[in-house]
Amino acid sequence: MRLKLVLSSDNKIELPIHYNLTIQGMLYKYLPPSLSEFLHDIGFFYKGRNFKLYTFSRIFSPHYTILKNKKRYIFDPPLTIYISSAIHNITKRMGETFLKKNKIVLGKNQLYLNSIELIPPPVIKHATIKIKTLSPITEYRTFERENGKNFYRYYHPNEEEFNDLLKENIRKKYEIITEKELPDFEFRIQPINTPRKALIKYKDFIIEGYDGQFVIHTDPEILSVVFDAGLGAKNSQGFGMIELIQN
């Protein structure tokens, strides 16, 4: 289930070019403390790995400009942000919290809630669907250098590893959400057009993701379960949110 937040302001809205951490901070700030602490510090564990099972989109605005010298965006209000979680209670409690706020602080901007919409997950009917990204999809492997430091190898959607890692990520999320073991299943993802590379700085790391439209072929029931958890890695940092464009 997902939320569509429309946030307005009496002034233009200034945010850093790499604003994912700013949005994530806003979400944790305006959640009930117990839920915020759970998502930030604990999450859902799977064989020693931590999954948050939520994600959010990039910012949508009627118009924006870029101050390259300051590495800042200047957005015209209103801003639209989508937030989703495969755990419906998380989305519900997020929505209830935002409804109670007279003022919402995003970075240094004072905003107010223009509208909020609760969007149920799509009913996926067919094994082959088309999707588009609302935030970039990322997949990677971690390797250790000779000096002991880690190296992150990100994969392009045309590489087989991209497909294989997405499939394994879906399997883990499905098993967490349903508490049922998922045997091998078919999964293929192919770009429709040339994917656009997105390099996003999160804290001290540069994360490589890809935006675009894709064709996915898999079991529709499996994809329906994990749809709002986001595709791929680093979902809680604002990656992997998708929207159905053909069912």
C-alpha atoms as a PDB file:
ATOM      1  CA  MET A   1       0.000   0.000   0.000  1.00  0.00           C
ATOM      2  CA  ARG A   2       1.266   3.503  -0.726  1.00  0.00           C
ATOM      3  CA  LEU A   3       0.685   7.110   0.191  1.00  0.00           C
ATOM      4  CA  LYS A   4       0.623  10.060  -2.148  1.00  0.00           C
ATOM      5  CA  LEU A   5       1.667  13.159  -0.210  1.00  0.00           C
ATOM      6  CA  VAL A   6       1.172  16.595  -1.731  1.00  0.00           C
ATOM      7  CA  LEU A   7       3.068  19.195   0.298  1.00  0.00           C
ATOM      8  CA  SER A   8       2.701  22.913  -0.307  1.00  0.00           C
ATOM      9  CA  SER A   9       4.405  26.089   0.855  1.00  0.00           C
ATOM     10  CA  ASP A  10       4.036  29.842   0.562  1.00  0.00           C
ATOM     11  CA  ASN A  11       7.602  30.009  -0.766  1.00  0.00           C
ATOM     12  CA  LYS A  12       9.830  28.173  -3.184  1.00  0.00           C
ATOM     13  CA  ILE A  13      11.345  25.040  -1.695  1.00  0.00           C
ATOM     14  CA  GLU A  14      15.127  24.634  -1.572  1.00  0.00           C
ATOM     15  CA  LEU A  15      16.696  21.198  -1.119  1.00  0.00           C
ATOM     16  CA  PRO A  16      20.112  19.637  -1.744  1.00  0.00           C
ATOM     17  CA  ILE A  17      20.707  17.927  -5.086  1.00  0.00           C
ATOM     18  CA  HIS A  18      21.038  14.635  -3.211  1.00  0.00           C
ATOM     19  CA  TYR A  19      17.899  14.887  -1.083  1.00  0.00           C
ATOM     20  CA  ASN A  20      17.186  11.205  -0.318  1.00  0.00           C
ATOM     21  CA  LEU A  21      18.586  11.473   3.205  1.00  0.00           C
ATOM     22  CA  THR A  22      16.471  14.603   3.780  1.00  0.00           C
ATOM     23  CA  ILE A  23      13.246  12.791   2.841  1.00  0.00           C
ATOM     24  CA  GLN A  24      14.187   9.751   4.904  1.00  0.00           C
ATOM     25  CA  GLY A  25      14.875  12.001   7.895  1.00  0.00           C
ATOM     26  CA  MET A  26      11.451  13.628   7.497  1.00  0.00           C
ATOM     27  CA  LEU A  27       9.751  10.214   7.493  1.00  0.00           C
ATOM     28  CA  TYR A  28      11.506   9.056  10.649  1.00  0.00           C
ATOM     29  CA  LYS A  29      10.822  12.379  12.373  1.00  0.00           C
ATOM     30  CA  TYR A  30       7.065  12.324  11.761  1.00  0.00           C
ATOM     31  CA  LEU A  31       6.448   8.659  12.506  1.00  0.00           C
ATOM     32  CA  PRO A  32       5.247   7.466  15.921  1.00  0.00           C
ATOM     33  CA  PRO A  33       8.453   7.005  17.975  1.00  0.00           C
ATOM     34  CA  SER A  34       8.033   3.236  18.349  1.00  0.00           C
ATOM     35  CA  LEU A  35       7.574   2.707  14.604  1.00  0.00           C
ATOM     36  CA  SER A  36      10.375   5.138  13.731  1.00  0.00           C
ATOM     37  CA  GLU A  37      12.772   3.332  16.061  1.00  0.00           C
ATOM     38  CA  PHE A  38      11.734  -0.081  14.714  1.00  0.00           C
ATOM     39  CA  LEU A  39      12.263   0.875  11.062  1.00  0.00           C
ATOM     40  CA  HIS A  40      15.494   2.794  11.707  1.00  0.00           C
ATOM     41  CA  ASP A  41      17.207   0.376  14.097  1.00  0.00           C
ATOM     42  CA  ILE A  42      15.618  -3.033  13.679  1.00  0.00           C
ATOM     43  CA  GLY A  43      13.486  -3.764  10.617  1.00  0.00           C
ATOM     44  CA  PHE A  44      12.653  -7.275   9.434  1.00  0.00           C
ATOM     45  CA  PHE A  45      15.440  -9.837   9.623  1.00  0.00           C
ATOM     46  CA  TYR A  46      16.124 -12.589   7.114  1.00  0.00           C
ATOM     47  CA  LYS A  47      19.121 -14.861   7.760  1.00  0.00           C
ATOM     48  CA  GLY A  48      21.106 -12.053   9.354  1.00  0.00           C
ATOM     49  CA  ARG A  49      20.083  -9.413   6.794  1.00  0.00           C
ATOM     50  CA  ASN A  50      17.921  -6.424   7.656  1.00  0.00           C
ATOM     51  CA  PHE A  51      15.000  -5.387   5.424  1.00  0.00           C
ATOM     52  CA  LYS A  52      12.873  -2.273   6.014  1.00  0.00           C
ATOM     53  CA  LEU A  53      10.160  -3.197   3.458  1.00  0.00           C
ATOM     54  CA  TYR A  54       9.355   0.421   2.620  1.00  0.00           C
ATOM     55  CA  THR A  55      10.544   2.874   0.029  1.00  0.00           C
ATOM     56  CA  PHE A  56       9.811   6.333  -1.358  1.00  0.00           C
ATOM     57  CA  SER A  57       9.898   8.134  -4.680  1.00  0.00           C
ATOM     58  CA  ARG A  58      11.856  11.040  -6.029  1.00  0.00           C
ATOM     59  CA  ILE A  59      10.230  14.466  -5.663  1.00  0.00           C
ATOM     60  CA  PHE A  60       7.761  15.584  -8.318  1.00  0.00           C
ATOM     61  CA  SER A  61       7.140  19.315  -8.808  1.00  0.00           C
ATOM     62  CA  PRO A  62       5.480  21.563 -11.410  1.00  0.00           C
ATOM     63  CA  HIS A  63       8.855  23.199 -12.081  1.00  0.00           C
ATOM     64  CA  TYR A  64      12.348  23.294 -10.663  1.00  0.00           C
ATOM     65  CA  THR A  65      15.711  24.908 -11.291  1.00  0.00           C
ATOM     66  CA  ILE A  66      19.194  23.791 -10.264  1.00  0.00           C
ATOM     67  CA  LEU A  67      21.708  26.041  -8.532  1.00  0.00           C
ATOM     68  CA  LYS A  68      24.837  24.236  -9.698  1.00  0.00           C
ATOM     69  CA  ASN A  69      27.205  26.419  -7.706  1.00  0.00           C
ATOM     70  CA  LYS A  70      25.359  25.548  -4.487  1.00  0.00           C
ATOM     71  CA  LYS A  71      24.357  22.012  -5.543  1.00  0.00           C
ATOM     72  CA  ARG A  72      20.742  22.788  -4.679  1.00  0.00           C
ATOM     73  CA  TYR A  73      17.298  22.325  -6.204  1.00  0.00           C
ATOM     74  CA  ILE A  74      14.753  25.143  -6.158  1.00  0.00           C
ATOM     75  CA  PHE A  75      11.281  23.590  -6.453  1.00  0.00           C
ATOM     76  CA  ASP A  76       8.020  25.352  -7.155  1.00  0.00           C
ATOM     77  CA  PRO A  77       5.313  24.063  -4.807  1.00  0.00           C
ATOM     78  CA  PRO A  78       3.494  21.801  -4.435  1.00  0.00           C
ATOM     79  CA  LEU A  79       5.778  18.793  -4.019  1.00  0.00           C
ATOM     80  CA  THR A  80       4.464  15.285  -4.572  1.00  0.00           C
ATOM     81  CA  ILE A  81       6.146  12.350  -2.834  1.00  0.00           C
ATOM     82  CA  TYR A  82       5.043   8.715  -2.883  1.00  0.00           C
ATOM     83  CA  ILE A  83       5.763   6.416   0.070  1.00  0.00           C
ATOM     84  CA  SER A  84       5.020   2.705   0.042  1.00  0.00           C
ATOM     85  CA  SER A  85       5.354  -0.367   2.217  1.00  0.00           C
ATOM     86  CA  ALA A  86       4.472  -3.999   1.760  1.00  0.00           C
ATOM     87  CA  ILE A  87       3.341  -3.961   5.403  1.00  0.00           C
ATOM     88  CA  HIS A  88      -0.001  -2.172   5.250  1.00  0.00           C
ATOM     89  CA  ASN A  89       0.031  -1.127   8.905  1.00  0.00           C
ATOM     90  CA  ILE A  90       3.240   0.846   8.344  1.00  0.00           C
ATOM     91  CA  THR A  91       1.671   2.865   5.526  1.00  0.00           C
ATOM     92  CA  LYS A  92      -1.529   3.357   7.519  1.00  0.00           C
ATOM     93  CA  ARG A  93       0.310   4.704  10.561  1.00  0.00           C
ATOM     94  CA  MET A  94       2.422   7.000   8.377  1.00  0.00           C
ATOM     95  CA  GLY A  95      -0.742   8.445   6.869  1.00  0.00           C
ATOM     96  CA  GLU A  96      -2.399   8.947  10.264  1.00  0.00           C
ATOM     97  CA  THR A  97       0.691  10.788  11.530  1.00  0.00           C
ATOM     98  CA  PHE A  98       0.906  13.184   8.595  1.00  0.00           C
ATOM     99  CA  LEU A  99      -2.821  13.979   8.884  1.00  0.00           C
ATOM    100  CA  LYS A 100      -2.270  15.223  12.441  1.00  0.00           C
ATOM    101  CA  LYS A 101       0.529  17.648  11.540  1.00  0.00           C
ATOM    102  CA  ASN A 102      -0.168  21.330  10.960  1.00  0.00           C
ATOM    103  CA  LYS A 103       3.403  21.881   9.790  1.00  0.00           C
ATOM    104  CA  ILE A 104       5.889  19.552   8.116  1.00  0.00           C
ATOM    105  CA  VAL A 105       9.593  20.410   8.052  1.00  0.00           C
ATOM    106  CA  LEU A 106      11.575  19.106   5.063  1.00  0.00           C
ATOM    107  CA  GLY A 107      15.181  20.201   5.339  1.00  0.00           C
ATOM    108  CA  LYS A 108      14.898  23.896   6.210  1.00  0.00           C
ATOM    109  CA  ASN A 109      11.505  24.304   4.540  1.00  0.00           C
ATOM    110  CA  GLN A 110       8.223  24.828   6.373  1.00  0.00           C
ATOM    111  CA  LEU A 111       5.544  22.896   4.482  1.00  0.00           C
ATOM    112  CA  TYR A 112       1.919  21.981   5.041  1.00  0.00           C
ATOM    113  CA  LEU A 113      -0.129  19.038   3.868  1.00  0.00           C
ATOM    114  CA  ASN A 114      -2.130  19.938   0.787  1.00  0.00           C
ATOM    115  CA  SER A 115      -3.589  16.458   0.302  1.00  0.00           C
ATOM    116  CA  ILE A 116      -2.952  12.826   1.140  1.00  0.00           C
ATOM    117  CA  GLU A 117      -4.175   9.742  -0.698  1.00  0.00           C
ATOM    118  CA  LEU A 118      -3.969   6.093   0.299  1.00  0.00           C
ATOM    119  CA  ILE A 119      -3.401   3.954  -2.792  1.00  0.00           C
ATOM    120  CA  PRO A 120      -4.011   0.188  -2.537  1.00  0.00           C
ATOM    121  CA  PRO A 121      -1.554  -2.182  -4.223  1.00  0.00           C
ATOM    122  CA  PRO A 122      -2.342  -3.002  -7.836  1.00  0.00           C
ATOM    123  CA  VAL A 123      -4.036  -6.231  -8.784  1.00  0.00           C
ATOM    124  CA  ILE A 124      -1.475  -7.822 -11.070  1.00  0.00           C
ATOM    125  CA  LYS A 125      -3.270 -10.200 -13.408  1.00  0.00           C
ATOM    126  CA  HIS A 126      -0.687 -11.290 -15.938  1.00  0.00           C
ATOM    127  CA  ALA A 127       2.779 -12.802 -15.917  1.00  0.00           C
ATOM    128  CA  THR A 128       4.134 -10.041 -18.180  1.00  0.00           C
ATOM    129  CA  ILE A 129       3.735  -6.412 -17.137  1.00  0.00           C
ATOM    130  CA  LYS A 130       5.289  -3.038 -17.867  1.00  0.00           C
ATOM    131  CA  ILE A 131       6.528  -0.779 -15.087  1.00  0.00           C
ATOM    132  CA  LYS A 132       8.268   2.568 -14.756  1.00  0.00           C
ATOM    133  CA  THR A 133      10.508   3.747 -11.941  1.00  0.00           C
ATOM    134  CA  LEU A 134       9.466   6.415  -9.454  1.00  0.00           C
ATOM    135  CA  SER A 135      12.954   6.138  -7.976  1.00  0.00           C
ATOM    136  CA  PRO A 136      16.022   4.385  -9.432  1.00  0.00           C
ATOM    137  CA  ILE A 137      16.510   0.624  -9.122  1.00  0.00           C
ATOM    138  CA  THR A 138      19.906  -0.453  -7.796  1.00  0.00           C
ATOM    139  CA  GLU A 139      21.639  -3.810  -7.406  1.00  0.00           C
ATOM    140  CA  TYR A 140      25.224  -4.515  -6.387  1.00  0.00           C
ATOM    141  CA  ARG A 141      27.696  -6.946  -4.892  1.00  0.00           C
ATOM    142  CA  THR A 142      30.278  -6.186  -2.203  1.00  0.00           C
ATOM    143  CA  PHE A 143      33.916  -7.172  -2.728  1.00  0.00           C
ATOM    144  CA  GLU A 144      36.880  -6.725  -0.435  1.00  0.00           C
ATOM    145  CA  ARG A 145      40.022  -4.991  -1.695  1.00  0.00           C
ATOM    146  CA  GLU A 146      43.541  -6.058  -0.778  1.00  0.00           C
ATOM    147  CA  ASN A 147      43.689  -3.215   1.762  1.00  0.00           C
ATOM    148  CA  GLY A 148      40.650  -4.645   3.554  1.00  0.00           C
ATOM    149  CA  LYS A 149      38.237  -1.949   2.403  1.00  0.00           C
ATOM    150  CA  ASN A 150      35.003  -2.868   0.647  1.00  0.00           C
ATOM    151  CA  PHE A 151      34.332  -2.192  -3.018  1.00  0.00           C
ATOM    152  CA  TYR A 152      30.751  -2.006  -4.317  1.00  0.00           C
ATOM    153  CA  ARG A 153      30.134  -3.243  -7.846  1.00  0.00           C
ATOM    154  CA  TYR A 154      26.851  -1.904  -9.226  1.00  0.00           C
ATOM    155  CA  TYR A 155      25.182  -3.644 -12.157  1.00  0.00           C
ATOM    156  CA  HIS A 156      23.550  -2.288 -15.301  1.00  0.00           C
ATOM    157  CA  PRO A 157      20.046  -3.580 -16.193  1.00  0.00           C
ATOM    158  CA  ASN A 158      21.484  -5.281 -19.281  1.00  0.00           C
ATOM    159  CA  GLU A 159      23.807  -7.429 -17.153  1.00  0.00           C
ATOM    160  CA  GLU A 160      22.643 -10.881 -16.071  1.00  0.00           C
ATOM    161  CA  GLU A 161      23.695 -10.198 -12.472  1.00  0.00           C
ATOM    162  CA  PHE A 162      21.147  -7.362 -12.280  1.00  0.00           C
ATOM    163  CA  ASN A 163      18.361  -9.811 -13.081  1.00  0.00           C
ATOM    164  CA  ASP A 164      19.687 -12.526 -10.754  1.00  0.00           C
ATOM    165  CA  LEU A 165      20.113 -10.172  -7.785  1.00  0.00           C
ATOM    166  CA  LEU A 166      16.624  -8.712  -8.252  1.00  0.00           C
ATOM    167  CA  LYS A 167      15.157 -12.214  -8.292  1.00  0.00           C
ATOM    168  CA  GLU A 168      16.964 -13.215  -5.097  1.00  0.00           C
ATOM    169  CA  ASN A 169      15.906  -9.955  -3.423  1.00  0.00           C
ATOM    170  CA  ILE A 170      12.258 -10.639  -4.345  1.00  0.00           C
ATOM    171  CA  ARG A 171      12.480 -14.164  -2.927  1.00  0.00           C
ATOM    172  CA  LYS A 172      13.766 -12.904   0.434  1.00  0.00           C
ATOM    173  CA  LYS A 173      11.104 -10.192   0.713  1.00  0.00           C
ATOM    174  CA  TYR A 174       8.353 -12.632  -0.235  1.00  0.00           C
ATOM    175  CA  GLU A 175       9.452 -15.099   2.447  1.00  0.00           C
ATOM    176  CA  ILE A 176       9.606 -12.355   5.106  1.00  0.00           C
ATOM    177  CA  ILE A 177       6.153 -10.984   4.241  1.00  0.00           C
ATOM    178  CA  THR A 178       4.313 -14.281   3.795  1.00  0.00           C
ATOM    179  CA  GLU A 179       6.381 -16.422   6.206  1.00  0.00           C
ATOM    180  CA  LYS A 180       6.337 -19.099   3.504  1.00  0.00           C
ATOM    181  CA  GLU A 181       9.294 -20.632   1.716  1.00  0.00           C
ATOM    182  CA  LEU A 182       9.482 -19.709  -1.953  1.00  0.00           C
ATOM    183  CA  PRO A 183      10.978 -22.348  -4.273  1.00  0.00           C
ATOM    184  CA  ASP A 184      12.606 -21.398  -7.538  1.00  0.00           C
ATOM    185  CA  PHE A 185      10.459 -19.201  -9.771  1.00  0.00           C
ATOM    186  CA  GLU A 186      10.758 -17.495 -13.124  1.00  0.00           C
ATOM    187  CA  PHE A 187      11.819 -13.850 -13.178  1.00  0.00           C
ATOM    188  CA  ARG A 188      13.039 -11.695 -16.036  1.00  0.00           C
ATOM    189  CA  ILE A 189      13.378  -7.916 -16.283  1.00  0.00           C
ATOM    190  CA  GLN A 190      14.277  -6.099 -19.493  1.00  0.00           C
ATOM    191  CA  PRO A 191      14.580  -2.373 -20.241  1.00  0.00           C
ATOM    192  CA  ILE A 192      12.106  -0.996 -22.770  1.00  0.00           C
ATOM    193  CA  ASN A 193      14.235   2.028 -23.536  1.00  0.00           C
ATOM    194  CA  THR A 194      17.817   2.945 -22.640  1.00  0.00           C
ATOM    195  CA  PRO A 195      17.977   3.076 -18.819  1.00  0.00           C
ATOM    196  CA  ARG A 196      19.098   6.393 -17.346  1.00  0.00           C
ATOM    197  CA  LYS A 197      21.923   6.124 -14.852  1.00  0.00           C
ATOM    198  CA  ALA A 198      21.354   8.006 -11.581  1.00  0.00           C
ATOM    199  CA  LEU A 199      24.267   8.685  -9.221  1.00  0.00           C
ATOM    200  CA  ILE A 200      22.888   9.634  -5.822  1.00  0.00           C
ATOM    201  CA  LYS A 201      24.962  10.540  -2.796  1.00  0.00           C
ATOM    202  CA  TYR A 202      23.647   9.109   0.458  1.00  0.00           C
ATOM    203  CA  LYS A 203      25.724  10.135   3.472  1.00  0.00           C
ATOM    204  CA  ASP A 204      29.302   9.454   2.304  1.00  0.00           C
ATOM    205  CA  PHE A 205      28.469   6.942  -0.423  1.00  0.00           C
ATOM    206  CA  ILE A 206      27.625   7.322  -4.110  1.00  0.00           C
ATOM    207  CA  ILE A 207      24.903   4.858  -5.092  1.00  0.00           C
ATOM    208  CA  GLU A 208      24.385   3.944  -8.749  1.00  0.00           C
ATOM    209  CA  GLY A 209      20.831   3.228  -9.847  1.00  0.00           C
ATOM    210  CA  TYR A 210      18.819   3.162 -13.066  1.00  0.00           C
ATOM    211  CA  ASP A 211      15.586   4.863 -14.091  1.00  0.00           C
ATOM    212  CA  GLY A 212      13.345   3.966 -16.990  1.00  0.00           C
ATOM    213  CA  GLN A 213      10.608   1.663 -18.194  1.00  0.00           C
ATOM    214  CA  PHE A 214      10.932  -2.099 -17.952  1.00  0.00           C
ATOM    215  CA  VAL A 215       9.112  -5.298 -18.875  1.00  0.00           C
ATOM    216  CA  ILE A 216       8.881  -7.822 -16.039  1.00  0.00           C
ATOM    217  CA  HIS A 217       7.944 -11.458 -16.506  1.00  0.00           C
ATOM    218  CA  THR A 218       7.216 -13.424 -13.319  1.00  0.00           C
ATOM    219  CA  ASP A 219       4.471 -15.000 -11.223  1.00  0.00           C
ATOM    220  CA  PRO A 220       1.890 -12.206 -10.721  1.00  0.00           C
ATOM    221  CA  GLU A 221       1.062 -13.362  -7.172  1.00  0.00           C
ATOM    222  CA  ILE A 222       4.705 -13.117  -6.119  1.00  0.00           C
ATOM    223  CA  LEU A 223       5.163  -9.663  -7.603  1.00  0.00           C
ATOM    224  CA  SER A 224       1.897  -8.446  -6.035  1.00  0.00           C
ATOM    225  CA  VAL A 225       3.178  -9.345  -2.551  1.00  0.00           C
ATOM    226  CA  VAL A 226       6.492  -7.480  -2.845  1.00  0.00           C
ATOM    227  CA  PHE A 227       5.369  -4.657  -5.167  1.00  0.00           C
ATOM    228  CA  ASP A 228       5.160  -1.927  -2.517  1.00  0.00           C
ATOM    229  CA  ALA A 229       8.366  -3.023  -0.756  1.00  0.00           C
ATOM    230  CA  GLY A 230      10.343  -1.770  -3.755  1.00  0.00           C
ATOM    231  CA  LEU A 231      12.493  -3.581  -6.296  1.00  0.00           C
ATOM    232  CA  GLY A 232      16.161  -4.231  -5.633  1.00  0.00           C
ATOM    233  CA  ALA A 233      18.401  -2.931  -2.870  1.00  0.00           C
ATOM    234  CA  LYS A 234      18.498   0.168  -0.646  1.00  0.00           C
ATOM    235  CA  ASN A 235      14.732   0.725  -0.748  1.00  0.00           C
ATOM    236  CA  SER A 236      14.577   2.636   2.550  1.00  0.00           C
ATOM    237  CA  GLN A 237      17.150   5.063   1.124  1.00  0.00           C
ATOM    238  CA  GLY A 238      14.776   5.966  -1.707  1.00  0.00           C
ATOM    239  CA  PHE A 239      15.473   3.333  -4.363  1.00  0.00           C
ATOM    240  CA  GLY A 240      13.354   0.851  -6.265  1.00  0.00           C
ATOM    241  CA  MET A 241       9.888   2.389  -6.154  1.00  0.00           C
ATOM    242  CA  ILE A 242       7.940   1.353  -9.256  1.00  0.00           C
ATOM    243  CA  GLU A 243       4.574   2.036 -10.849  1.00  0.00           C
ATOM    244  CA  LEU A 244       2.521  -0.203 -13.076  1.00  0.00           C
ATOM    245  CA  ILE A 245       1.989   1.177 -16.580  1.00  0.00           C
ATOM    246  CA  GLN A 246       0.495  -1.916 -18.208  1.00  0.00           C
ATOM    247  CA  ASN A 247      -1.108  -4.974 -16.653  1.00  0.00           C
END
